[in-house]
Amino acid sequence: MACGKLCIAYSGGVDSAFLLHVAYDVLGNNAMAVLVDSPVLARRDKDAAVDILEKLGVRYEIVGENPFESAEFAENNRMRCYFCKRNNYTLIKDVAHRNGIDCVADGQNADDALSPYRPGIKAGNEMGVISPLAECGLTKADIRLYSKQLGVVTWDKPANACLSSRIPYGSEITRERLATVEAAEETLRTRGMEGCRVRWHDTIARIEAPQAYFNVILNTPEIVNEIKSLGFKYITLDLEGFRSGSMN
């Protein structure tokens, strides 16, 4: 699909950042980004995403979103991502239309398109969002490689997902729980440990981390103390390490 103007659903992740760089290089000011700011987006990740936009010089807007307006999201059933994405794409398309842009694109890649469980993709398809990276057959590995060659700073950024993915399906999502897991993960990130997850299990915080960090976590009692201070009774380290989508 040819688009003379393009609005990108931008998150600051590897895929959407690469797509934005290429779109801006080709289309100039006919490309723009929309970042949805929501309680499910960690503050550190939002700041990093905005920093990329500012340095690139691309047109962008930040729109606030309250996912708790959707009862289906807060109830946290297995279609949670579908309802959240529909809300996000509605906001993004409104911005695009206001700026005279008909085409809205996301950062879905060819690997995502093969995943058996991606309710967010269903939402995008229903709303006419295009996925240029997937259409070109670009995998995550391809995007990292080309990002490195183009000097896109996110080329080696660890995979990430919204904070709601830390809450098991069937457990209510609340602002407090999202803030708690964000603070728990920040305890690890401030010590240089990226790519970790802290999964919420009521009184238990389950840390998923790359195995290279195991020794540091096990031998840094301050980590346990800081995470316990957030209201958890037990802190566990998952011996299988980090697995994307382990809560699905």
C-alpha atoms as a PDB file:
ATOM      1  CA  MET A   1       0.000   0.000   0.000  1.00  0.00           C
ATOM      2  CA  ALA A   2       1.488   3.331  -1.091  1.00  0.00           C
ATOM      3  CA  CYS A   3       1.197   6.180   1.412  1.00  0.00           C
ATOM      4  CA  GLY A   4       2.329   9.707   0.672  1.00  0.00           C
ATOM      5  CA  LYS A   5       1.734  10.570   4.315  1.00  0.00           C
ATOM      6  CA  LEU A   6       2.147   8.199   7.220  1.00  0.00           C
ATOM      7  CA  CYS A   7       1.293   8.257  10.920  1.00  0.00           C
ATOM      8  CA  ILE A   8       3.155   5.706  13.024  1.00  0.00           C
ATOM      9  CA  ALA A   9       1.872   4.145  16.219  1.00  0.00           C
ATOM     10  CA  TYR A  10       5.116   4.675  18.078  1.00  0.00           C
ATOM     11  CA  SER A  11       6.228   3.108  21.351  1.00  0.00           C
ATOM     12  CA  GLY A  12       9.977   3.689  21.356  1.00  0.00           C
ATOM     13  CA  GLY A  13      10.652  -0.027  20.916  1.00  0.00           C
ATOM     14  CA  VAL A  14      12.984  -1.614  18.376  1.00  0.00           C
ATOM     15  CA  ASP A  15      10.383  -2.053  15.636  1.00  0.00           C
ATOM     16  CA  SER A  16       8.457   1.214  15.752  1.00  0.00           C
ATOM     17  CA  ALA A  17      11.658   3.239  16.161  1.00  0.00           C
ATOM     18  CA  PHE A  18      13.156   1.619  13.063  1.00  0.00           C
ATOM     19  CA  LEU A  19       9.965   2.158  11.070  1.00  0.00           C
ATOM     20  CA  LEU A  20       9.848   5.788  12.159  1.00  0.00           C
ATOM     21  CA  HIS A  21      13.464   6.426  11.139  1.00  0.00           C
ATOM     22  CA  VAL A  22      12.887   4.953   7.680  1.00  0.00           C
ATOM     23  CA  ALA A  23       9.566   6.748   7.207  1.00  0.00           C
ATOM     24  CA  TYR A  24      11.067  10.082   8.226  1.00  0.00           C
ATOM     25  CA  ASP A  25      14.041   9.520   5.908  1.00  0.00           C
ATOM     26  CA  VAL A  26      11.711   8.834   2.957  1.00  0.00           C
ATOM     27  CA  LEU A  27       8.751  11.111   3.686  1.00  0.00           C
ATOM     28  CA  GLY A  28      10.248  13.914   5.766  1.00  0.00           C
ATOM     29  CA  ASN A  29       7.514  16.029   7.353  1.00  0.00           C
ATOM     30  CA  ASN A  30       4.857  13.848   5.750  1.00  0.00           C
ATOM     31  CA  ALA A  31       5.692  11.294   8.431  1.00  0.00           C
ATOM     32  CA  MET A  32       4.673  11.732  12.044  1.00  0.00           C
ATOM     33  CA  ALA A  33       4.577   9.674  15.223  1.00  0.00           C
ATOM     34  CA  VAL A  34       1.953   9.326  17.929  1.00  0.00           C
ATOM     35  CA  LEU A  35       2.973   8.078  21.356  1.00  0.00           C
ATOM     36  CA  VAL A  36       0.142   6.938  23.626  1.00  0.00           C
ATOM     37  CA  ASP A  37       0.925   7.781  27.229  1.00  0.00           C
ATOM     38  CA  SER A  38      -0.804   5.468  29.667  1.00  0.00           C
ATOM     39  CA  PRO A  39      -0.338   3.933  33.134  1.00  0.00           C
ATOM     40  CA  VAL A  40       0.835   0.746  31.392  1.00  0.00           C
ATOM     41  CA  LEU A  41       3.884   2.600  30.007  1.00  0.00           C
ATOM     42  CA  ALA A  42       6.832   2.825  32.406  1.00  0.00           C
ATOM     43  CA  ARG A  43       8.014   6.397  32.939  1.00  0.00           C
ATOM     44  CA  ARG A  44      11.597   5.503  32.029  1.00  0.00           C
ATOM     45  CA  ASP A  45      10.400   4.019  28.726  1.00  0.00           C
ATOM     46  CA  LYS A  46       8.286   7.062  27.951  1.00  0.00           C
ATOM     47  CA  ASP A  47      11.232   9.404  28.580  1.00  0.00           C
ATOM     48  CA  ALA A  48      13.502   7.307  26.349  1.00  0.00           C
ATOM     49  CA  ALA A  49      10.879   7.246  23.583  1.00  0.00           C
ATOM     50  CA  VAL A  50      10.452  11.027  23.677  1.00  0.00           C
ATOM     51  CA  ASP A  51      14.224  11.531  23.660  1.00  0.00           C
ATOM     52  CA  ILE A  52      14.423   9.600  20.375  1.00  0.00           C
ATOM     53  CA  LEU A  53      11.670  11.744  18.861  1.00  0.00           C
ATOM     54  CA  GLU A  54      13.357  14.971  19.893  1.00  0.00           C
ATOM     55  CA  LYS A  55      16.744  13.944  18.541  1.00  0.00           C
ATOM     56  CA  LEU A  56      15.277  12.714  15.257  1.00  0.00           C
ATOM     57  CA  GLY A  57      13.319  15.927  14.752  1.00  0.00           C
ATOM     58  CA  VAL A  58      10.201  14.197  13.464  1.00  0.00           C
ATOM     59  CA  ARG A  59       6.710  15.590  14.016  1.00  0.00           C
ATOM     60  CA  TYR A  60       4.978  13.902  16.909  1.00  0.00           C
ATOM     61  CA  GLU A  61       2.123  14.088  19.369  1.00  0.00           C
ATOM     62  CA  ILE A  62       1.687  12.482  22.769  1.00  0.00           C
ATOM     63  CA  VAL A  63      -1.871  11.548  23.665  1.00  0.00           C
ATOM     64  CA  GLY A  64      -3.021  10.490  27.095  1.00  0.00           C
ATOM     65  CA  GLU A  65      -5.060   7.328  27.471  1.00  0.00           C
ATOM     66  CA  ASN A  66      -6.944   5.840  30.401  1.00  0.00           C
ATOM     67  CA  PRO A  67      -7.178   2.089  29.786  1.00  0.00           C
ATOM     68  CA  PHE A  68      -9.363   1.699  32.881  1.00  0.00           C
ATOM     69  CA  GLU A  69     -12.254   3.233  30.955  1.00  0.00           C
ATOM     70  CA  SER A  70     -12.523  -0.236  29.420  1.00  0.00           C
ATOM     71  CA  ALA A  71     -13.948  -2.697  31.928  1.00  0.00           C
ATOM     72  CA  GLU A  72     -12.640  -5.551  29.767  1.00  0.00           C
ATOM     73  CA  PHE A  73      -9.094  -4.265  30.215  1.00  0.00           C
ATOM     74  CA  ALA A  74      -9.311  -3.910  34.003  1.00  0.00           C
ATOM     75  CA  GLU A  75     -10.899  -7.359  34.324  1.00  0.00           C
ATOM     76  CA  ASN A  76      -7.755  -8.691  32.632  1.00  0.00           C
ATOM     77  CA  ASN A  77      -9.114 -11.517  30.525  1.00  0.00           C
ATOM     78  CA  ARG A  78      -7.066 -13.085  27.738  1.00  0.00           C
ATOM     79  CA  MET A  79      -8.287 -10.466  25.241  1.00  0.00           C
ATOM     80  CA  ARG A  80      -6.940  -7.613  27.384  1.00  0.00           C
ATOM     81  CA  CYS A  81      -4.476  -6.523  24.704  1.00  0.00           C
ATOM     82  CA  TYR A  82      -7.218  -6.396  22.082  1.00  0.00           C
ATOM     83  CA  PHE A  83      -9.288  -3.877  24.032  1.00  0.00           C
ATOM     84  CA  CYS A  84      -6.266  -1.767  24.948  1.00  0.00           C
ATOM     85  CA  LYS A  85      -5.009  -1.666  21.357  1.00  0.00           C
ATOM     86  CA  ARG A  86      -8.427  -0.719  20.013  1.00  0.00           C
ATOM     87  CA  ASN A  87      -8.480   2.261  22.369  1.00  0.00           C
ATOM     88  CA  ASN A  88      -4.951   3.237  21.370  1.00  0.00           C
ATOM     89  CA  TYR A  89      -5.576   2.969  17.632  1.00  0.00           C
ATOM     90  CA  THR A  90      -8.746   5.029  17.963  1.00  0.00           C
ATOM     91  CA  LEU A  91      -6.743   7.841  19.568  1.00  0.00           C
ATOM     92  CA  ILE A  92      -3.931   7.549  17.018  1.00  0.00           C
ATOM     93  CA  LYS A  93      -6.293   7.583  14.042  1.00  0.00           C
ATOM     94  CA  ASP A  94      -7.981  10.700  15.426  1.00  0.00           C
ATOM     95  CA  VAL A  95      -4.599  12.463  15.520  1.00  0.00           C
ATOM     96  CA  ALA A  96      -3.752  11.236  12.022  1.00  0.00           C
ATOM     97  CA  HIS A  97      -7.022  12.477  10.538  1.00  0.00           C
ATOM     98  CA  ARG A  98      -6.623  15.817  12.262  1.00  0.00           C
ATOM     99  CA  ASN A  99      -3.264  16.114  10.494  1.00  0.00           C
ATOM    100  CA  GLY A 100      -4.607  15.067   7.104  1.00  0.00           C
ATOM    101  CA  ILE A 101      -3.129  11.576   7.189  1.00  0.00           C
ATOM    102  CA  ASP A 102      -5.097   8.523   6.125  1.00  0.00           C
ATOM    103  CA  CYS A 103      -2.461   5.819   6.664  1.00  0.00           C
ATOM    104  CA  VAL A 104      -1.664   4.597  10.175  1.00  0.00           C
ATOM    105  CA  ALA A 105       1.116   2.033  10.580  1.00  0.00           C
ATOM    106  CA  ASP A 106       2.337  -0.098  13.453  1.00  0.00           C
ATOM    107  CA  GLY A 107       5.677  -1.811  14.100  1.00  0.00           C
ATOM    108  CA  GLN A 108       4.475  -5.395  13.754  1.00  0.00           C
ATOM    109  CA  ASN A 109       7.234  -7.553  12.260  1.00  0.00           C
ATOM    110  CA  ALA A 110       7.196 -10.866  10.393  1.00  0.00           C
ATOM    111  CA  ASP A 111       7.839 -12.833  13.595  1.00  0.00           C
ATOM    112  CA  ASP A 112       4.825 -11.223  15.266  1.00  0.00           C
ATOM    113  CA  ALA A 113       2.627 -12.148  12.314  1.00  0.00           C
ATOM    114  CA  LEU A 114       3.450 -15.829  12.900  1.00  0.00           C
ATOM    115  CA  SER A 115       2.715 -15.747  16.621  1.00  0.00           C
ATOM    116  CA  PRO A 116      -0.320 -17.877  17.578  1.00  0.00           C
ATOM    117  CA  TYR A 117      -1.475 -15.429  20.246  1.00  0.00           C
ATOM    118  CA  ARG A 118      -1.522 -11.738  19.364  1.00  0.00           C
ATOM    119  CA  PRO A 119      -4.933 -10.192  20.110  1.00  0.00           C
ATOM    120  CA  GLY A 120      -3.440  -6.740  19.510  1.00  0.00           C
ATOM    121  CA  ILE A 121      -2.869  -7.677  15.866  1.00  0.00           C
ATOM    122  CA  LYS A 122      -6.569  -8.500  15.543  1.00  0.00           C
ATOM    123  CA  ALA A 123      -7.427  -5.010  16.766  1.00  0.00           C
ATOM    124  CA  GLY A 124      -5.060  -3.396  14.275  1.00  0.00           C
ATOM    125  CA  ASN A 125      -6.420  -5.427  11.374  1.00  0.00           C
ATOM    126  CA  GLU A 126      -9.998  -4.515  12.242  1.00  0.00           C
ATOM    127  CA  MET A 127      -9.130  -0.827  12.322  1.00  0.00           C
ATOM    128  CA  GLY A 128      -7.202  -0.753   9.061  1.00  0.00           C
ATOM    129  CA  VAL A 129      -3.748  -0.258  10.587  1.00  0.00           C
ATOM    130  CA  ILE A 130      -1.011  -1.319   8.169  1.00  0.00           C
ATOM    131  CA  SER A 131       2.173  -3.201   9.106  1.00  0.00           C
ATOM    132  CA  PRO A 132       4.917  -2.331   6.579  1.00  0.00           C
ATOM    133  CA  LEU A 133       7.667  -4.298   8.355  1.00  0.00           C
ATOM    134  CA  ALA A 134       5.621  -7.501   8.380  1.00  0.00           C
ATOM    135  CA  GLU A 135       4.526  -6.936   4.791  1.00  0.00           C
ATOM    136  CA  CYS A 136       8.202  -6.688   3.776  1.00  0.00           C
ATOM    137  CA  GLY A 137       8.975  -9.918   5.630  1.00  0.00           C
ATOM    138  CA  LEU A 138      11.342  -8.252   8.077  1.00  0.00           C
ATOM    139  CA  THR A 139      12.016 -10.293  11.201  1.00  0.00           C
ATOM    140  CA  LYS A 140      13.144  -8.919  14.546  1.00  0.00           C
ATOM    141  CA  ALA A 141      16.702 -10.014  13.739  1.00  0.00           C
ATOM    142  CA  ASP A 142      16.540  -8.156  10.400  1.00  0.00           C
ATOM    143  CA  ILE A 143      15.268  -5.011  12.077  1.00  0.00           C
ATOM    144  CA  ARG A 144      18.009  -5.088  14.700  1.00  0.00           C
ATOM    145  CA  LEU A 145      20.649  -5.553  11.996  1.00  0.00           C
ATOM    146  CA  TYR A 146      19.360  -2.738   9.776  1.00  0.00           C
ATOM    147  CA  SER A 147      18.836  -0.484  12.796  1.00  0.00           C
ATOM    148  CA  LYS A 148      22.482  -0.951  13.752  1.00  0.00           C
ATOM    149  CA  GLN A 149      23.598  -0.172  10.216  1.00  0.00           C
ATOM    150  CA  LEU A 150      21.474   2.992  10.176  1.00  0.00           C
ATOM    151  CA  GLY A 151      22.598   4.100  13.625  1.00  0.00           C
ATOM    152  CA  VAL A 152      19.177   3.727  15.247  1.00  0.00           C
ATOM    153  CA  VAL A 153      19.907   3.709  18.978  1.00  0.00           C
ATOM    154  CA  THR A 154      17.301   1.065  19.784  1.00  0.00           C
ATOM    155  CA  TRP A 155      19.023  -1.627  17.719  1.00  0.00           C
ATOM    156  CA  ASP A 156      20.073  -3.589  20.815  1.00  0.00           C
ATOM    157  CA  LYS A 157      17.238  -2.562  23.138  1.00  0.00           C
ATOM    158  CA  PRO A 158      15.854  -5.565  25.065  1.00  0.00           C
ATOM    159  CA  ALA A 159      12.349  -6.738  24.212  1.00  0.00           C
ATOM    160  CA  ASN A 160       9.698  -5.115  26.345  1.00  0.00           C
ATOM    161  CA  ALA A 161       5.944  -5.186  26.859  1.00  0.00           C
ATOM    162  CA  CYS A 162       3.469  -2.996  28.678  1.00  0.00           C
ATOM    163  CA  LEU A 163       3.275  -3.219  32.459  1.00  0.00           C
ATOM    164  CA  SER A 164      -0.113  -4.951  32.385  1.00  0.00           C
ATOM    165  CA  SER A 165       1.649  -8.066  31.061  1.00  0.00           C
ATOM    166  CA  ARG A 166       3.116  -8.512  34.573  1.00  0.00           C
ATOM    167  CA  ILE A 167      -0.348  -9.219  36.033  1.00  0.00           C
ATOM    168  CA  PRO A 168      -1.719 -12.779  35.567  1.00  0.00           C
ATOM    169  CA  TYR A 169      -4.910 -13.118  33.533  1.00  0.00           C
ATOM    170  CA  GLY A 170      -7.925 -13.095  35.810  1.00  0.00           C
ATOM    171  CA  SER A 171      -6.296 -10.801  38.391  1.00  0.00           C
ATOM    172  CA  GLU A 172      -7.655  -7.266  38.280  1.00  0.00           C
ATOM    173  CA  ILE A 173      -5.356  -4.617  36.833  1.00  0.00           C
ATOM    174  CA  THR A 174      -5.167  -1.493  38.975  1.00  0.00           C
ATOM    175  CA  ARG A 175      -3.053   1.644  38.858  1.00  0.00           C
ATOM    176  CA  GLU A 176      -1.472   0.613  42.158  1.00  0.00           C
ATOM    177  CA  ARG A 177      -0.427  -2.796  40.874  1.00  0.00           C
ATOM    178  CA  LEU A 178       1.044  -1.309  37.713  1.00  0.00           C
ATOM    179  CA  ALA A 179       2.979   1.251  39.752  1.00  0.00           C
ATOM    180  CA  THR A 180       4.224  -1.491  42.070  1.00  0.00           C
ATOM    181  CA  VAL A 181       5.662  -3.682  39.322  1.00  0.00           C
ATOM    182  CA  GLU A 182       7.167  -0.620  37.642  1.00  0.00           C
ATOM    183  CA  ALA A 183       8.923   0.353  40.882  1.00  0.00           C
ATOM    184  CA  ALA A 184      10.096  -3.228  41.414  1.00  0.00           C
ATOM    185  CA  GLU A 185      11.588  -3.380  37.926  1.00  0.00           C
ATOM    186  CA  GLU A 186      13.181   0.014  38.442  1.00  0.00           C
ATOM    187  CA  THR A 187      15.050  -1.529  41.386  1.00  0.00           C
ATOM    188  CA  LEU A 188      16.744  -3.813  38.852  1.00  0.00           C
ATOM    189  CA  ARG A 189      17.129  -1.262  36.063  1.00  0.00           C
ATOM    190  CA  THR A 190      18.908   1.263  38.267  1.00  0.00           C
ATOM    191  CA  ARG A 191      21.532  -1.453  38.805  1.00  0.00           C
ATOM    192  CA  GLY A 192      22.040  -1.869  35.060  1.00  0.00           C
ATOM    193  CA  MET A 193      19.857  -4.960  34.685  1.00  0.00           C
ATOM    194  CA  GLU A 194      17.750  -4.443  31.579  1.00  0.00           C
ATOM    195  CA  GLY A 195      15.408  -7.012  30.072  1.00  0.00           C
ATOM    196  CA  CYS A 196      14.010  -8.166  33.422  1.00  0.00           C
ATOM    197  CA  ARG A 197      10.389  -8.616  34.440  1.00  0.00           C
ATOM    198  CA  VAL A 198       8.814  -8.595  37.883  1.00  0.00           C
ATOM    199  CA  ARG A 199       5.588 -10.600  37.737  1.00  0.00           C
ATOM    200  CA  TRP A 200       2.878  -9.767  40.278  1.00  0.00           C
ATOM    201  CA  HIS A 201       1.386 -12.726  42.152  1.00  0.00           C
ATOM    202  CA  ASP A 202      -0.425 -11.014  45.045  1.00  0.00           C
ATOM    203  CA  THR A 203       2.069 -11.218  47.942  1.00  0.00           C
ATOM    204  CA  ILE A 204       4.769 -12.764  45.720  1.00  0.00           C
ATOM    205  CA  ALA A 205       7.054 -10.912  43.302  1.00  0.00           C
ATOM    206  CA  ARG A 206       8.505 -13.325  40.739  1.00  0.00           C
ATOM    207  CA  ILE A 207      11.615 -11.995  39.032  1.00  0.00           C
ATOM    208  CA  GLU A 208      12.323 -13.160  35.502  1.00  0.00           C
ATOM    209  CA  ALA A 209      15.825 -12.123  34.470  1.00  0.00           C
ATOM    210  CA  PRO A 210      18.489 -13.138  31.954  1.00  0.00           C
ATOM    211  CA  GLN A 211      20.623 -15.785  33.648  1.00  0.00           C
ATOM    212  CA  ALA A 212      23.663 -13.498  33.433  1.00  0.00           C
ATOM    213  CA  TYR A 213      22.073 -11.444  36.220  1.00  0.00           C
ATOM    214  CA  PHE A 214      21.288 -14.326  38.574  1.00  0.00           C
ATOM    215  CA  ASN A 215      24.404 -13.963  40.739  1.00  0.00           C
ATOM    216  CA  VAL A 216      23.943 -10.228  41.151  1.00  0.00           C
ATOM    217  CA  ILE A 217      20.306 -10.625  42.173  1.00  0.00           C
ATOM    218  CA  LEU A 218      21.043 -13.479  44.582  1.00  0.00           C
ATOM    219  CA  ASN A 219      23.937 -11.636  46.188  1.00  0.00           C
ATOM    220  CA  THR A 220      22.400  -8.178  46.508  1.00  0.00           C
ATOM    221  CA  PRO A 221      20.138  -8.224  49.583  1.00  0.00           C
ATOM    222  CA  GLU A 222      19.177  -4.602  48.940  1.00  0.00           C
ATOM    223  CA  ILE A 223      17.152  -5.787  45.925  1.00  0.00           C
ATOM    224  CA  VAL A 224      15.036  -8.019  48.133  1.00  0.00           C
ATOM    225  CA  ASN A 225      14.589  -5.295  50.728  1.00  0.00           C
ATOM    226  CA  GLU A 226      13.601  -2.660  48.192  1.00  0.00           C
ATOM    227  CA  ILE A 227      11.061  -4.864  46.443  1.00  0.00           C
ATOM    228  CA  LYS A 228       9.616  -6.050  49.760  1.00  0.00           C
ATOM    229  CA  SER A 229       9.145  -2.436  50.784  1.00  0.00           C
ATOM    230  CA  LEU A 230       6.642  -2.136  47.918  1.00  0.00           C
ATOM    231  CA  GLY A 231       4.285  -4.500  49.723  1.00  0.00           C
ATOM    232  CA  PHE A 232       5.413  -7.950  48.654  1.00  0.00           C
ATOM    233  CA  LYS A 233       5.893 -10.636  51.289  1.00  0.00           C
ATOM    234  CA  TYR A 234       8.035 -13.005  49.229  1.00  0.00           C
ATOM    235  CA  ILE A 235      10.570 -12.362  46.466  1.00  0.00           C
ATOM    236  CA  THR A 236      11.362 -15.242  44.116  1.00  0.00           C
ATOM    237  CA  LEU A 237      13.822 -15.663  41.249  1.00  0.00           C
ATOM    238  CA  ASP A 238      12.429 -17.736  38.377  1.00  0.00           C
ATOM    239  CA  LEU A 239      15.087 -20.347  37.534  1.00  0.00           C
ATOM    240  CA  GLU A 240      13.926 -20.513  33.912  1.00  0.00           C
ATOM    241  CA  GLY A 241      14.969 -16.903  33.448  1.00  0.00           C
ATOM    242  CA  PHE A 242      13.208 -14.324  31.306  1.00  0.00           C
ATOM    243  CA  ARG A 243      10.698 -15.642  28.771  1.00  0.00           C
ATOM    244  CA  SER A 244       8.705 -13.224  26.651  1.00  0.00           C
ATOM    245  CA  GLY A 245       4.986 -13.949  26.982  1.00  0.00           C
ATOM    246  CA  SER A 246       5.423 -16.375  29.872  1.00  0.00           C
ATOM    247  CA  MET A 247       2.092 -15.247  31.346  1.00  0.00           C
ATOM    248  CA  ASN A 248       0.104 -16.139  28.209  1.00  0.00           C
END
